[in-house]
Amino acid sequence: FFSHFVAMVNIRRPKLKAIAASVVGSCVIACYLFDVPRPLPPSSFVGRSSRTQFSRRGLLSSARLKHNNDRDRRGRGDDGDDDREDGVFSWAERRVRPLSARPDPLNETALFWHIPKSGGTTAKSIYRCLGEAVDVEARPGQISHSESIGLVPLGHVDVIFSPYPVYAIEHLFDPSHMARVLALFRHPIERLISLFYYLQTANWEASYRPEWKDMNVLEWAESHNADINTMLKRLAGKGHDATEEDLLRATNTIRRHFVVGLVTEMEESFRRFNAVIGVDETKPKHEACMQKYFGGEGTKENSNAHPKVRNSTSTTFVPSFSSR
């Protein structure tokens, strides 16, 4: 822009040339003072299909997170020279192994985030079968007790299951004993539909809801479903409404610090988990366990048959099984 601006000024008009030079000089000085990035060459802007295409939403999100991080640092009274990761929850940064760190099973304890109706009960059974020392359903009271006896520093457990990952991480792990976090994810609509049918019959659960038998899933979703952004709130450590910034931080935290599995790819997910926590699947016992759960029909724990709702103009129900 600057070069074009100067080129448009006729050499025989020295006053205009002087004005143009002054404008250009002022802009250059401003760029240095305010740290304005240099413009990219035209070759940097490529077609929409290219992997290097700029994302306006991504740039705005990054700028927003940078602004909020700077604001957080000012609020803490520090100078911003720490090594915090931009866009990551502080509990993950200080207490959870990043995916970039090589797995060290002998010196790491795995924390499995048990998301309801997402294969967690089956996961517990698999690791019991594999002979891993499992601490299950770590809730706040149990977590506090485990903290008091030094469960993680003493190395008395291989895998901890908890539906409260942040509370467990903040109370059981520290920078000297960092967690290796595993999680199985399921499509949120499928998970909630499964939860709706499950709680109609699960009279052993504190959240048992027999009255839901008399309503259809659409009525329940519109008027009775209280599971609104619950998993996001768990990661953000909030009991109230989550924000867009919480969503961005949660996404970055999972991407950088969680070993992710999918309910739709259970076998591959557990082979990935096993590789990270050091389970040797070639041992006869381990091989038999994997065959039990993934060979042929396989075994699912705490699964309940329920109608499957398809996304279509007409509602179609077909028999299906879901895992908790």
C-alpha atoms as a PDB file:
ATOM      1  CA  PHE A   1       0.000   0.000   0.000  1.00  0.00           C
ATOM      2  CA  PHE A   2       2.785   2.406   0.979  1.00  0.00           C
ATOM      3  CA  SER A   3       4.748   1.813  -2.235  1.00  0.00           C
ATOM      4  CA  HIS A   4       1.645   2.342  -4.367  1.00  0.00           C
ATOM      5  CA  PHE A   5       0.830   5.496  -2.452  1.00  0.00           C
ATOM      6  CA  VAL A   6       4.252   6.985  -3.106  1.00  0.00           C
ATOM      7  CA  ALA A   7       4.241   5.878  -6.767  1.00  0.00           C
ATOM      8  CA  MET A   8       1.025   7.783  -7.407  1.00  0.00           C
ATOM      9  CA  VAL A   9       2.672  11.073  -6.445  1.00  0.00           C
ATOM     10  CA  ASN A  10       4.150  12.900  -9.482  1.00  0.00           C
ATOM     11  CA  ILE A  11       7.859  13.630  -9.107  1.00  0.00           C
ATOM     12  CA  ARG A  12       7.283  17.129 -10.473  1.00  0.00           C
ATOM     13  CA  ARG A  13       5.093  17.922  -7.450  1.00  0.00           C
ATOM     14  CA  PRO A  14       7.606  17.991  -4.595  1.00  0.00           C
ATOM     15  CA  LYS A  15       5.124  19.214  -1.957  1.00  0.00           C
ATOM     16  CA  LEU A  16       2.839  16.207  -2.438  1.00  0.00           C
ATOM     17  CA  LYS A  17       5.841  13.916  -2.480  1.00  0.00           C
ATOM     18  CA  ALA A  18       6.994  15.345   0.841  1.00  0.00           C
ATOM     19  CA  ILE A  19       3.528  14.834   2.352  1.00  0.00           C
ATOM     20  CA  ALA A  20       3.452  11.215   1.136  1.00  0.00           C
ATOM     21  CA  ALA A  21       6.886  10.550   2.606  1.00  0.00           C
ATOM     22  CA  SER A  22       5.741  11.945   5.956  1.00  0.00           C
ATOM     23  CA  VAL A  23       2.644   9.710   5.971  1.00  0.00           C
ATOM     24  CA  VAL A  24       4.674   6.623   5.129  1.00  0.00           C
ATOM     25  CA  GLY A  25       7.254   7.441   7.783  1.00  0.00           C
ATOM     26  CA  SER A  26       4.573   7.910  10.438  1.00  0.00           C
ATOM     27  CA  CYS A  27       2.980   4.565   9.554  1.00  0.00           C
ATOM     28  CA  VAL A  28       6.324   2.754   9.758  1.00  0.00           C
ATOM     29  CA  ILE A  29       7.011   4.245  13.184  1.00  0.00           C
ATOM     30  CA  ALA A  30       3.534   3.243  14.351  1.00  0.00           C
ATOM     31  CA  CYS A  31       4.135  -0.342  13.199  1.00  0.00           C
ATOM     32  CA  TYR A  32       7.254  -0.586  15.353  1.00  0.00           C
ATOM     33  CA  LEU A  33       5.663   1.089  18.374  1.00  0.00           C
ATOM     34  CA  PHE A  34       2.494  -1.022  18.374  1.00  0.00           C
ATOM     35  CA  ASP A  35       4.033  -4.268  17.133  1.00  0.00           C
ATOM     36  CA  VAL A  36       1.858  -4.468  14.015  1.00  0.00           C
ATOM     37  CA  PRO A  37       2.726  -7.628  12.033  1.00  0.00           C
ATOM     38  CA  ARG A  38       4.178  -7.223   8.561  1.00  0.00           C
ATOM     39  CA  PRO A  39       1.740  -7.794   5.693  1.00  0.00           C
ATOM     40  CA  LEU A  40       1.914 -11.183   4.055  1.00  0.00           C
ATOM     41  CA  PRO A  41       2.887 -11.472   0.390  1.00  0.00           C
ATOM     42  CA  PRO A  42       0.095 -12.245  -2.074  1.00  0.00           C
ATOM     43  CA  SER A  43       1.363 -15.829  -2.428  1.00  0.00           C
ATOM     44  CA  SER A  44       0.416 -16.464   1.215  1.00  0.00           C
ATOM     45  CA  PHE A  45      -3.287 -16.158   0.426  1.00  0.00           C
ATOM     46  CA  VAL A  46      -4.322 -19.388  -1.240  1.00  0.00           C
ATOM     47  CA  GLY A  47      -7.503 -21.128  -2.264  1.00  0.00           C
ATOM     48  CA  ARG A  48     -10.292 -22.085   0.111  1.00  0.00           C
ATOM     49  CA  SER A  49      -9.415 -25.773  -0.124  1.00  0.00           C
ATOM     50  CA  SER A  50      -5.822 -25.319   1.025  1.00  0.00           C
ATOM     51  CA  ARG A  51      -4.790 -26.301   4.552  1.00  0.00           C
ATOM     52  CA  THR A  52      -3.131 -22.889   4.966  1.00  0.00           C
ATOM     53  CA  GLN A  53      -6.352 -20.981   4.344  1.00  0.00           C
ATOM     54  CA  PHE A  54      -6.923 -18.476   7.109  1.00  0.00           C
ATOM     55  CA  SER A  55      -9.937 -18.972   9.395  1.00  0.00           C
ATOM     56  CA  ARG A  56     -11.553 -15.731  10.490  1.00  0.00           C
ATOM     57  CA  ARG A  57     -13.219 -17.519  13.395  1.00  0.00           C
ATOM     58  CA  GLY A  58      -9.918 -19.094  14.438  1.00  0.00           C
ATOM     59  CA  LEU A  59      -8.081 -15.776  14.319  1.00  0.00           C
ATOM     60  CA  LEU A  60     -10.800 -14.044  16.324  1.00  0.00           C
ATOM     61  CA  SER A  61     -10.846 -16.862  18.879  1.00  0.00           C
ATOM     62  CA  SER A  62      -7.074 -16.761  19.258  1.00  0.00           C
ATOM     63  CA  ALA A  63      -7.145 -13.004  19.681  1.00  0.00           C
ATOM     64  CA  ARG A  64      -9.909 -13.268  22.258  1.00  0.00           C
ATOM     65  CA  LEU A  65      -8.033 -15.892  24.270  1.00  0.00           C
ATOM     66  CA  LYS A  66      -4.818 -13.857  24.129  1.00  0.00           C
ATOM     67  CA  HIS A  67      -6.714 -10.825  25.408  1.00  0.00           C
ATOM     68  CA  ASN A  68      -8.259 -12.836  28.239  1.00  0.00           C
ATOM     69  CA  ASN A  69      -4.924 -14.394  29.180  1.00  0.00           C
ATOM     70  CA  ASP A  70      -3.339 -10.950  29.336  1.00  0.00           C
ATOM     71  CA  ARG A  71      -6.249  -9.774  31.476  1.00  0.00           C
ATOM     72  CA  ASP A  72      -5.837 -12.784  33.794  1.00  0.00           C
ATOM     73  CA  ARG A  73      -2.140 -12.049  34.209  1.00  0.00           C
ATOM     74  CA  ARG A  74      -2.840  -8.434  35.068  1.00  0.00           C
ATOM     75  CA  GLY A  75      -5.447  -9.585  37.571  1.00  0.00           C
ATOM     76  CA  ARG A  76      -2.880 -11.843  39.260  1.00  0.00           C
ATOM     77  CA  GLY A  77      -0.419  -8.992  39.427  1.00  0.00           C
ATOM     78  CA  ASP A  78       2.353 -10.768  37.542  1.00  0.00           C
ATOM     79  CA  ASP A  79       4.260  -9.570  34.522  1.00  0.00           C
ATOM     80  CA  GLY A  80       3.121 -12.277  32.106  1.00  0.00           C
ATOM     81  CA  ASP A  81       6.560 -13.895  31.903  1.00  0.00           C
ATOM     82  CA  ASP A  82       5.375 -17.284  33.176  1.00  0.00           C
ATOM     83  CA  ASP A  83       5.178 -20.352  30.946  1.00  0.00           C
ATOM     84  CA  ARG A  84       1.410 -20.716  30.874  1.00  0.00           C
ATOM     85  CA  GLU A  85      -0.170 -22.303  27.816  1.00  0.00           C
ATOM     86  CA  ASP A  86      -2.547 -19.979  26.030  1.00  0.00           C
ATOM     87  CA  GLY A  87      -6.124 -21.233  26.012  1.00  0.00           C
ATOM     88  CA  VAL A  88      -5.613 -24.175  28.413  1.00  0.00           C
ATOM     89  CA  PHE A  89      -7.137 -24.617  31.860  1.00  0.00           C
ATOM     90  CA  SER A  90      -4.508 -24.032  34.547  1.00  0.00           C
ATOM     91  CA  TRP A  91      -5.211 -27.369  36.273  1.00  0.00           C
ATOM     92  CA  ALA A  92      -4.299 -29.214  33.081  1.00  0.00           C
ATOM     93  CA  GLU A  93      -1.184 -27.184  32.442  1.00  0.00           C
ATOM     94  CA  ARG A  94       0.286 -27.846  35.885  1.00  0.00           C
ATOM     95  CA  ARG A  95      -0.988 -31.342  36.693  1.00  0.00           C
ATOM     96  CA  VAL A  96      -1.692 -33.249  33.440  1.00  0.00           C
ATOM     97  CA  ARG A  97       0.849 -34.705  31.050  1.00  0.00           C
ATOM     98  CA  PRO A  98       0.651 -33.134  27.593  1.00  0.00           C
ATOM     99  CA  LEU A  99       0.289 -35.437  24.631  1.00  0.00           C
ATOM    100  CA  SER A 100       3.695 -34.217  23.462  1.00  0.00           C
ATOM    101  CA  ALA A 101       5.328 -35.915  26.482  1.00  0.00           C
ATOM    102  CA  ARG A 102       6.438 -39.502  25.947  1.00  0.00           C
ATOM    103  CA  PRO A 103       4.355 -41.961  28.035  1.00  0.00           C
ATOM    104  CA  ASP A 104       6.117 -43.179  31.168  1.00  0.00           C
ATOM    105  CA  PRO A 105       3.819 -45.886  32.623  1.00  0.00           C
ATOM    106  CA  LEU A 106       6.073 -46.710  35.585  1.00  0.00           C
ATOM    107  CA  ASN A 107       5.942 -43.130  36.842  1.00  0.00           C
ATOM    108  CA  GLU A 108       2.461 -42.031  35.710  1.00  0.00           C
ATOM    109  CA  THR A 109      -1.017 -42.656  37.073  1.00  0.00           C
ATOM    110  CA  ALA A 110      -3.894 -42.691  34.624  1.00  0.00           C
ATOM    111  CA  LEU A 111      -7.090 -40.785  35.305  1.00  0.00           C
ATOM    112  CA  PHE A 112     -10.071 -41.997  33.269  1.00  0.00           C
ATOM    113  CA  TRP A 113     -12.761 -39.356  32.975  1.00  0.00           C
ATOM    114  CA  HIS A 114     -15.985 -41.331  33.362  1.00  0.00           C
ATOM    115  CA  ILE A 115     -18.537 -39.494  31.236  1.00  0.00           C
ATOM    116  CA  PRO A 116     -22.014 -40.953  31.974  1.00  0.00           C
ATOM    117  CA  LYS A 117     -23.341 -43.370  29.336  1.00  0.00           C
ATOM    118  CA  SER A 118     -20.099 -43.342  27.394  1.00  0.00           C
ATOM    119  CA  GLY A 119     -18.540 -46.748  28.025  1.00  0.00           C
ATOM    120  CA  GLY A 120     -17.054 -46.012  31.455  1.00  0.00           C
ATOM    121  CA  THR A 121     -18.467 -49.077  33.234  1.00  0.00           C
ATOM    122  CA  THR A 122     -17.166 -51.320  30.460  1.00  0.00           C
ATOM    123  CA  ALA A 123     -13.776 -49.605  30.741  1.00  0.00           C
ATOM    124  CA  LYS A 124     -13.599 -50.395  34.466  1.00  0.00           C
ATOM    125  CA  SER A 125     -14.365 -54.046  33.801  1.00  0.00           C
ATOM    126  CA  ILE A 126     -11.728 -54.226  31.063  1.00  0.00           C
ATOM    127  CA  TYR A 127      -8.982 -52.870  33.308  1.00  0.00           C
ATOM    128  CA  ARG A 128      -9.970 -55.128  36.181  1.00  0.00           C
ATOM    129  CA  CYS A 129      -9.715 -58.040  33.746  1.00  0.00           C
ATOM    130  CA  LEU A 130      -6.304 -56.819  32.589  1.00  0.00           C
ATOM    131  CA  GLY A 131      -5.098 -56.895  36.197  1.00  0.00           C
ATOM    132  CA  GLU A 132      -4.652 -53.165  36.622  1.00  0.00           C
ATOM    133  CA  ALA A 133      -5.128 -51.704  40.098  1.00  0.00           C
ATOM    134  CA  VAL A 134      -8.321 -49.691  39.633  1.00  0.00           C
ATOM    135  CA  ASP A 135      -9.754 -47.041  41.938  1.00  0.00           C
ATOM    136  CA  VAL A 136     -13.329 -46.605  40.755  1.00  0.00           C
ATOM    137  CA  GLU A 137     -15.902 -43.834  40.925  1.00  0.00           C
ATOM    138  CA  ALA A 138     -13.674 -41.382  42.749  1.00  0.00           C
ATOM    139  CA  ARG A 139     -16.134 -38.788  44.033  1.00  0.00           C
ATOM    140  CA  PRO A 140     -15.244 -35.740  46.166  1.00  0.00           C
ATOM    141  CA  GLY A 141     -15.397 -37.544  49.529  1.00  0.00           C
ATOM    142  CA  GLN A 142     -13.375 -40.510  48.309  1.00  0.00           C
ATOM    143  CA  ILE A 143     -10.949 -38.213  46.509  1.00  0.00           C
ATOM    144  CA  SER A 144     -10.284 -36.244  49.714  1.00  0.00           C
ATOM    145  CA  HIS A 145      -9.580 -39.484  51.587  1.00  0.00           C
ATOM    146  CA  SER A 146      -7.272 -40.700  48.812  1.00  0.00           C
ATOM    147  CA  GLU A 147      -5.436 -37.377  48.956  1.00  0.00           C
ATOM    148  CA  SER A 148      -4.923 -37.700  52.707  1.00  0.00           C
ATOM    149  CA  ILE A 149      -3.303 -41.143  52.389  1.00  0.00           C
ATOM    150  CA  GLY A 150      -1.154 -40.151  49.405  1.00  0.00           C
ATOM    151  CA  LEU A 151      -2.723 -42.629  47.001  1.00  0.00           C
ATOM    152  CA  VAL A 152      -0.994 -41.334  43.867  1.00  0.00           C
ATOM    153  CA  PRO A 153       2.499 -40.520  45.270  1.00  0.00           C
ATOM    154  CA  LEU A 154       2.655 -43.978  46.864  1.00  0.00           C
ATOM    155  CA  GLY A 155       1.842 -45.619  43.545  1.00  0.00           C
ATOM    156  CA  HIS A 156      -0.960 -47.780  44.919  1.00  0.00           C
ATOM    157  CA  VAL A 157      -3.205 -47.428  41.884  1.00  0.00           C
ATOM    158  CA  ASP A 158      -2.812 -47.701  38.106  1.00  0.00           C
ATOM    159  CA  VAL A 159      -6.072 -46.199  36.874  1.00  0.00           C
ATOM    160  CA  ILE A 160      -8.441 -43.836  38.666  1.00  0.00           C
ATOM    161  CA  PHE A 161     -11.992 -43.481  37.354  1.00  0.00           C
ATOM    162  CA  SER A 162     -13.874 -40.318  38.188  1.00  0.00           C
ATOM    163  CA  PRO A 163     -16.801 -38.305  36.798  1.00  0.00           C
ATOM    164  CA  TYR A 164     -15.189 -35.250  38.435  1.00  0.00           C
ATOM    165  CA  PRO A 165     -11.895 -34.859  36.572  1.00  0.00           C
ATOM    166  CA  VAL A 166     -10.969 -31.366  37.745  1.00  0.00           C
ATOM    167  CA  TYR A 167     -11.558 -32.102  41.435  1.00  0.00           C
ATOM    168  CA  ALA A 168      -9.616 -35.354  41.161  1.00  0.00           C
ATOM    169  CA  ILE A 169      -6.719 -33.747  39.301  1.00  0.00           C
ATOM    170  CA  GLU A 170      -6.442 -30.786  41.663  1.00  0.00           C
ATOM    171  CA  HIS A 171      -6.498 -32.961  44.808  1.00  0.00           C
ATOM    172  CA  LEU A 172      -4.638 -36.115  43.751  1.00  0.00           C
ATOM    173  CA  PHE A 173      -1.967 -34.839  41.383  1.00  0.00           C
ATOM    174  CA  ASP A 174       0.720 -32.174  41.452  1.00  0.00           C
ATOM    175  CA  PRO A 175       3.609 -31.051  39.220  1.00  0.00           C
ATOM    176  CA  SER A 176       5.742 -33.888  40.624  1.00  0.00           C
ATOM    177  CA  HIS A 177       3.025 -36.517  40.108  1.00  0.00           C
ATOM    178  CA  MET A 178       1.164 -35.565  36.948  1.00  0.00           C
ATOM    179  CA  ALA A 179      -1.891 -37.354  35.571  1.00  0.00           C
ATOM    180  CA  ARG A 180      -2.219 -39.084  32.239  1.00  0.00           C
ATOM    181  CA  VAL A 181      -5.856 -38.405  31.327  1.00  0.00           C
ATOM    182  CA  LEU A 182      -7.933 -40.828  29.252  1.00  0.00           C
ATOM    183  CA  ALA A 183     -11.501 -40.243  28.091  1.00  0.00           C
ATOM    184  CA  LEU A 184     -14.114 -41.958  25.955  1.00  0.00           C
ATOM    185  CA  PHE A 185     -16.400 -39.583  24.076  1.00  0.00           C
ATOM    186  CA  ARG A 186     -19.814 -40.214  22.604  1.00  0.00           C
ATOM    187  CA  HIS A 187     -22.057 -38.078  20.413  1.00  0.00           C
ATOM    188  CA  PRO A 188     -23.877 -35.865  22.960  1.00  0.00           C
ATOM    189  CA  ILE A 189     -27.359 -36.490  21.560  1.00  0.00           C
ATOM    190  CA  GLU A 190     -26.848 -40.255  21.567  1.00  0.00           C
ATOM    191  CA  ARG A 191     -25.495 -40.045  25.111  1.00  0.00           C
ATOM    192  CA  LEU A 192     -28.509 -38.090  26.397  1.00  0.00           C
ATOM    193  CA  ILE A 193     -31.020 -40.362  24.681  1.00  0.00           C
ATOM    194  CA  SER A 194     -29.307 -43.346  26.280  1.00  0.00           C
ATOM    195  CA  LEU A 195     -29.393 -41.593  29.660  1.00  0.00           C
ATOM    196  CA  PHE A 196     -33.118 -40.885  29.250  1.00  0.00           C
ATOM    197  CA  TYR A 197     -33.987 -44.551  28.749  1.00  0.00           C
ATOM    198  CA  TYR A 198     -31.455 -45.836  31.256  1.00  0.00           C
ATOM    199  CA  LEU A 199     -32.764 -43.789  34.207  1.00  0.00           C
ATOM    200  CA  GLN A 200     -36.291 -45.053  33.571  1.00  0.00           C
ATOM    201  CA  THR A 201     -35.239 -48.518  34.746  1.00  0.00           C
ATOM    202  CA  ALA A 202     -32.042 -48.030  36.808  1.00  0.00           C
ATOM    203  CA  ASN A 203     -33.649 -48.223  40.265  1.00  0.00           C
ATOM    204  CA  TRP A 204     -30.198 -48.658  41.833  1.00  0.00           C
ATOM    205  CA  GLU A 205     -29.205 -45.144  40.776  1.00  0.00           C
ATOM    206  CA  ALA A 206     -29.834 -42.104  42.973  1.00  0.00           C
ATOM    207  CA  SER A 207     -31.079 -40.301  39.860  1.00  0.00           C
ATOM    208  CA  TYR A 208     -33.643 -43.036  39.044  1.00  0.00           C
ATOM    209  CA  ARG A 209     -36.639 -41.493  37.210  1.00  0.00           C
ATOM    210  CA  PRO A 210     -39.503 -43.993  36.738  1.00  0.00           C
ATOM    211  CA  GLU A 211     -41.884 -41.161  35.814  1.00  0.00           C
ATOM    212  CA  TRP A 212     -39.983 -40.715  32.538  1.00  0.00           C
ATOM    213  CA  LYS A 213     -41.545 -43.953  31.262  1.00  0.00           C
ATOM    214  CA  ASP A 214     -44.734 -42.027  30.512  1.00  0.00           C
ATOM    215  CA  MET A 215     -43.134 -39.445  28.212  1.00  0.00           C
ATOM    216  CA  ASN A 216     -41.445 -39.555  24.843  1.00  0.00           C
ATOM    217  CA  VAL A 217     -37.887 -38.417  24.258  1.00  0.00           C
ATOM    218  CA  LEU A 218     -38.881 -35.135  22.570  1.00  0.00           C
ATOM    219  CA  GLU A 219     -41.049 -34.095  25.512  1.00  0.00           C
ATOM    220  CA  TRP A 220     -38.241 -34.979  27.888  1.00  0.00           C
ATOM    221  CA  ALA A 221     -35.654 -33.068  25.876  1.00  0.00           C
ATOM    222  CA  GLU A 222     -37.781 -29.930  25.745  1.00  0.00           C
ATOM    223  CA  SER A 223     -39.056 -29.862  29.328  1.00  0.00           C
ATOM    224  CA  HIS A 224     -37.137 -32.199  31.661  1.00  0.00           C
ATOM    225  CA  ASN A 225     -33.547 -32.521  30.488  1.00  0.00           C
ATOM    226  CA  ALA A 226     -31.281 -30.771  32.994  1.00  0.00           C
ATOM    227  CA  ASP A 227     -28.042 -31.969  31.387  1.00  0.00           C
ATOM    228  CA  ILE A 228     -27.120 -28.687  29.695  1.00  0.00           C
ATOM    229  CA  ASN A 229     -23.407 -28.308  28.905  1.00  0.00           C
ATOM    230  CA  THR A 230     -22.691 -30.467  31.965  1.00  0.00           C
ATOM    231  CA  MET A 231     -19.432 -31.904  30.665  1.00  0.00           C
ATOM    232  CA  LEU A 232     -18.158 -28.455  29.717  1.00  0.00           C
ATOM    233  CA  LYS A 233     -19.020 -27.147  33.184  1.00  0.00           C
ATOM    234  CA  ARG A 234     -17.142 -30.092  34.733  1.00  0.00           C
ATOM    235  CA  LEU A 235     -13.981 -29.139  32.870  1.00  0.00           C
ATOM    236  CA  ALA A 236     -14.419 -25.433  33.622  1.00  0.00           C
ATOM    237  CA  GLY A 237     -15.041 -26.162  37.308  1.00  0.00           C
ATOM    238  CA  LYS A 238     -18.352 -24.303  37.225  1.00  0.00           C
ATOM    239  CA  GLY A 239     -21.808 -24.986  38.563  1.00  0.00           C
ATOM    240  CA  HIS A 240     -23.385 -22.171  36.570  1.00  0.00           C
ATOM    241  CA  ASP A 241     -23.541 -21.271  32.904  1.00  0.00           C
ATOM    242  CA  ALA A 242     -20.415 -21.922  30.869  1.00  0.00           C
ATOM    243  CA  THR A 243     -19.069 -19.299  28.474  1.00  0.00           C
ATOM    244  CA  GLU A 244     -17.644 -19.325  24.970  1.00  0.00           C
ATOM    245  CA  GLU A 245     -14.185 -18.865  26.481  1.00  0.00           C
ATOM    246  CA  ASP A 246     -14.760 -21.989  28.616  1.00  0.00           C
ATOM    247  CA  LEU A 247     -15.601 -23.897  25.442  1.00  0.00           C
ATOM    248  CA  LEU A 248     -12.422 -22.714  23.716  1.00  0.00           C
ATOM    249  CA  ARG A 249     -10.277 -23.617  26.718  1.00  0.00           C
ATOM    250  CA  ALA A 250     -11.943 -27.023  27.042  1.00  0.00           C
ATOM    251  CA  THR A 251     -11.320 -27.756  23.364  1.00  0.00           C
ATOM    252  CA  ASN A 252      -7.656 -26.777  23.626  1.00  0.00           C
ATOM    253  CA  THR A 253      -7.193 -28.710  26.877  1.00  0.00           C
ATOM    254  CA  ILE A 254      -8.631 -31.920  25.416  1.00  0.00           C
ATOM    255  CA  ARG A 255      -6.648 -31.516  22.200  1.00  0.00           C
ATOM    256  CA  ARG A 256      -3.331 -31.040  24.027  1.00  0.00           C
ATOM    257  CA  HIS A 257      -3.682 -33.094  27.215  1.00  0.00           C
ATOM    258  CA  PHE A 258      -6.293 -35.873  26.814  1.00  0.00           C
ATOM    259  CA  VAL A 259      -5.825 -39.280  25.218  1.00  0.00           C
ATOM    260  CA  VAL A 260      -9.129 -39.435  23.360  1.00  0.00           C
ATOM    261  CA  GLY A 261     -11.175 -42.519  22.546  1.00  0.00           C
ATOM    262  CA  LEU A 262     -14.552 -42.847  20.826  1.00  0.00           C
ATOM    263  CA  VAL A 263     -17.444 -45.086  21.822  1.00  0.00           C
ATOM    264  CA  THR A 264     -17.956 -45.837  18.138  1.00  0.00           C
ATOM    265  CA  GLU A 265     -14.359 -47.153  17.956  1.00  0.00           C
ATOM    266  CA  MET A 266     -14.063 -48.980  21.273  1.00  0.00           C
ATOM    267  CA  GLU A 267     -11.445 -51.576  20.372  1.00  0.00           C
ATOM    268  CA  GLU A 268      -9.100 -49.108  18.709  1.00  0.00           C
ATOM    269  CA  SER A 269      -9.632 -46.666  21.603  1.00  0.00           C
ATOM    270  CA  PHE A 270      -8.593 -49.226  24.226  1.00  0.00           C
ATOM    271  CA  ARG A 271      -5.588 -50.334  22.228  1.00  0.00           C
ATOM    272  CA  ARG A 272      -4.550 -46.700  22.229  1.00  0.00           C
ATOM    273  CA  PHE A 273      -5.165 -46.388  25.986  1.00  0.00           C
ATOM    274  CA  ASN A 274      -3.234 -49.601  26.639  1.00  0.00           C
ATOM    275  CA  ALA A 275      -0.235 -48.416  24.645  1.00  0.00           C
ATOM    276  CA  VAL A 276      -0.111 -45.200  26.678  1.00  0.00           C
ATOM    277  CA  ILE A 277      -0.427 -46.781  30.138  1.00  0.00           C
ATOM    278  CA  GLY A 278       1.868 -49.719  29.352  1.00  0.00           C
ATOM    279  CA  VAL A 279      -0.477 -52.727  29.033  1.00  0.00           C
ATOM    280  CA  ASP A 280       1.251 -55.507  27.081  1.00  0.00           C
ATOM    281  CA  GLU A 281      -1.540 -57.052  25.004  1.00  0.00           C
ATOM    282  CA  THR A 282       0.694 -59.928  23.868  1.00  0.00           C
ATOM    283  CA  LYS A 283       0.522 -61.556  27.308  1.00  0.00           C
ATOM    284  CA  PRO A 284      -1.928 -64.496  27.270  1.00  0.00           C
ATOM    285  CA  LYS A 285      -4.103 -63.058  30.050  1.00  0.00           C
ATOM    286  CA  HIS A 286      -4.294 -59.636  28.426  1.00  0.00           C
ATOM    287  CA  GLU A 287      -4.985 -61.167  25.038  1.00  0.00           C
ATOM    288  CA  ALA A 288      -7.841 -63.190  26.539  1.00  0.00           C
ATOM    289  CA  CYS A 289      -9.333 -60.072  28.129  1.00  0.00           C
ATOM    290  CA  MET A 290      -9.265 -58.134  24.885  1.00  0.00           C
ATOM    291  CA  GLN A 291     -10.850 -61.099  23.097  1.00  0.00           C
ATOM    292  CA  LYS A 292     -13.580 -61.260  25.746  1.00  0.00           C
ATOM    293  CA  TYR A 293     -14.613 -57.658  25.228  1.00  0.00           C
ATOM    294  CA  PHE A 294     -13.847 -57.147  21.555  1.00  0.00           C
ATOM    295  CA  GLY A 295     -13.925 -60.562  19.924  1.00  0.00           C
ATOM    296  CA  GLY A 296     -17.125 -61.585  18.173  1.00  0.00           C
ATOM    297  CA  GLU A 297     -20.128 -60.077  19.941  1.00  0.00           C
ATOM    298  CA  GLY A 298     -17.985 -58.796  22.785  1.00  0.00           C
ATOM    299  CA  THR A 299     -19.105 -58.001  26.325  1.00  0.00           C
ATOM    300  CA  LYS A 300     -20.701 -54.736  27.376  1.00  0.00           C
ATOM    301  CA  GLU A 301     -21.233 -53.849  31.019  1.00  0.00           C
ATOM    302  CA  ASN A 302     -24.311 -52.005  32.278  1.00  0.00           C
ATOM    303  CA  SER A 303     -25.783 -51.764  28.779  1.00  0.00           C
ATOM    304  CA  ASN A 304     -29.515 -51.349  28.300  1.00  0.00           C
ATOM    305  CA  ALA A 305     -31.621 -51.956  25.218  1.00  0.00           C
ATOM    306  CA  HIS A 306     -33.631 -48.947  24.103  1.00  0.00           C
ATOM    307  CA  PRO A 307     -35.186 -47.483  20.969  1.00  0.00           C
ATOM    308  CA  LYS A 308     -32.794 -45.564  18.766  1.00  0.00           C
ATOM    309  CA  VAL A 309     -33.951 -42.183  17.546  1.00  0.00           C
ATOM    310  CA  ARG A 310     -32.829 -41.388  14.029  1.00  0.00           C
ATOM    311  CA  ASN A 311     -32.397 -37.906  12.678  1.00  0.00           C
ATOM    312  CA  SER A 312     -35.035 -37.859   9.967  1.00  0.00           C
ATOM    313  CA  THR A 313     -38.383 -36.307   9.130  1.00  0.00           C
ATOM    314  CA  SER A 314     -40.132 -39.360  10.524  1.00  0.00           C
ATOM    315  CA  THR A 315     -39.093 -40.916  13.833  1.00  0.00           C
ATOM    316  CA  THR A 316     -37.981 -44.519  13.401  1.00  0.00           C
ATOM    317  CA  PHE A 317     -37.197 -46.852  16.259  1.00  0.00           C
ATOM    318  CA  VAL A 318     -34.898 -49.830  15.967  1.00  0.00           C
ATOM    319  CA  PRO A 319     -33.429 -52.023  18.761  1.00  0.00           C
ATOM    320  CA  SER A 320     -30.083 -50.785  19.957  1.00  0.00           C
ATOM    321  CA  PHE A 321     -27.693 -51.233  22.841  1.00  0.00           C
ATOM    322  CA  SER A 322     -25.843 -48.456  24.636  1.00  0.00           C
ATOM    323  CA  SER A 323     -22.884 -48.608  26.994  1.00  0.00           C
ATOM    324  CA  ARG A 324     -22.496 -46.683  30.153  1.00  0.00           C
END
